[in-house]
Amino acid sequence: MITTTNPRTGATTDLDLLDTTTAEVDRLAERAAQAAPGLAALGREGRARALEAVADALEAAREELVRVADDETGLGEARLNGELSRAAFQFRLFAEALREGSYLEAAIDHAGDTPLGPGPDLRRMLLPLGPVAVFGASNFPFAFSVAGGDTASALASGCPVVIKAHDSHPLTSLKSAEAITAGLASAGAPEGTVALVFGQEAAGHLIAHPEIKAVGFTGSLSTGRILLDIINRREDPIPFYGELSSLNPLVVTPGAAAARGDEIAKGLFGSYTGSGGQLCTKPGLAFVPTGPEGDRIVETMQALTAEGGGHVLLNQRISQAFDTIADRLVSAGAPVAARGQVDGADGFVVPPVLLATQASDLSAELTEECFGPLIVVARYDGEKDLAAALELMPHSLTATVHAEDDEADTVASLSRLLEPLVGRLVFNGYPTGVRVSWAQHHGGPWPSTNSQHTSVGVTAIRRFLRPFVWQNAPESVLPEELHEGYSAIPRRIDGALVLPGSAR
């Protein structure tokens, strides 16, 4: 029997749901494979309409979805309404990308003489991989779960999706899948385009299934390694796109500390405690200069932290891990500088915690990610001290620099140090809050992710596509995007980029 737990109260309720059997996983994976040709046959316009229908269905179910998700996550209606809007927006954005068509990377090299002799006619385009397994994330019950970007980008590419419901929000997962399925059906998508499974055994069996051609996962590094081990035991190892662990260091320069220390302290407090500190882009380590200006930043953060109330964490496992990792960080040399108050709270509620150390005392033990409202402040004494500490930083999704306009040399130096460590470098802002757009990249070197691909933004679709070339092929077997004279999408023809409507 599957249960759901309210993290505010700790109360657990039985649901009329059971873990998916391995036989049922087999059936769903095979049905997804059968749906793949029909989903591809819808074409770009048909899939765009299907994605828009999914967005409409999610919006129509908003009231129930937000209510159920709030009961299962404790994230609050305001946050969840915003997240559901983001999820719907992602589906619509991928519909726009389908119609625009550049994601296909269509290219034609006509037959003819080349510097190396006669060359054949080559026509290249990206094609869907096939059914994709997606794992919902606990901290984003909509935008990174069943209705999240992995699902949206996979469907846009033409890949059916079998989704592992997250144990922390099974009912939200179910209701989301029902809305998505209804939207797809209304747009003529084949049955089996989306399916949902429950349970750990089902998850392992799913990604080992020969019909599954890629995996999208957002979660812990330890679970990611388990899934990778299963994939590596397959006869045909498949791509694994995992977003796993991220410390997201933030640097405050002396100039920024002097010019706007209070503003930075307040913004940093909001960033490390927002959504209970349960964001993959939460800054977990802040470098603050020594001296009076840096002192004021730390003092303001101490006051805000001490006055801060409790934060509801998503589940008991995360709550227990928060306490365990906080204790490890203290033992490793980062004593508590401030702690909020939690009086008589039920459920999985923890206080905000501010730890403090010296940059010169940093070690690998002090750079462990702590999921929840905790930050380590490391005081540094000059650029050499800071540079030495940054060499110890684990790879992350983001890094942030707060600096002033007259510190150009310092900013350039920090950029050179930080760019190899992360996938996004933020200036004079905060990394929490990831815009969904064409230019976004949400990824970084291992262990933040394991690939060069993003899980947010239009280029996320690239994960679920493979290049394919037709050589000297009759036009009857080519997709319409590679037909001679087709002009609805950008294409590279004989080396030249040809935009829609251009005569070529």
Foldseek 3Di string as FASTA:
>chain_A
DAWEAQQQFRDIDDDPDDFDDLVVLLVLLVLQQVLLVVLVVCALQLLLQLLLLLLVLLVVCVVVLLVLLCRLFVLDSVVLSVLNNVLSVLSNVLSVCSLQPCLFQWAWEDWDADPVGTDFTKIKTKAFQEEEEEEADLLRLACRALSHLVCSLNSSRRYAYEYEHDSSRNVSNVVSQVSSVVSNVVSPRDPSSYHYGYDDVSVLSNLLDPRHAEYEEEEAPVVLVVNQVSLVPHPDRHYYKYQHAFQAEEEEDPALLVPPLLVVLVQLLCQCCRSQNQDQQRHAEYEFADDDSSVVSVVNNQVCQQAFEKHRGNADVLLVQLVVLVVQLCVLAWPWPHWYDYPPGHGSIGGATETEEALQSDDLSNQHDRRGRYHYYHYYYDDVSVLVSLVRHAAHAEYEYEDDPVPVVVVVVVCVSCVQRHDYYYYPHGRPDFDAEAPGAGAIPPPSIPDPGGSGYNRNSVSRIDMDMDTNDDPVPDDPVRDPPDASYWYQYSNRIHHHPDDD
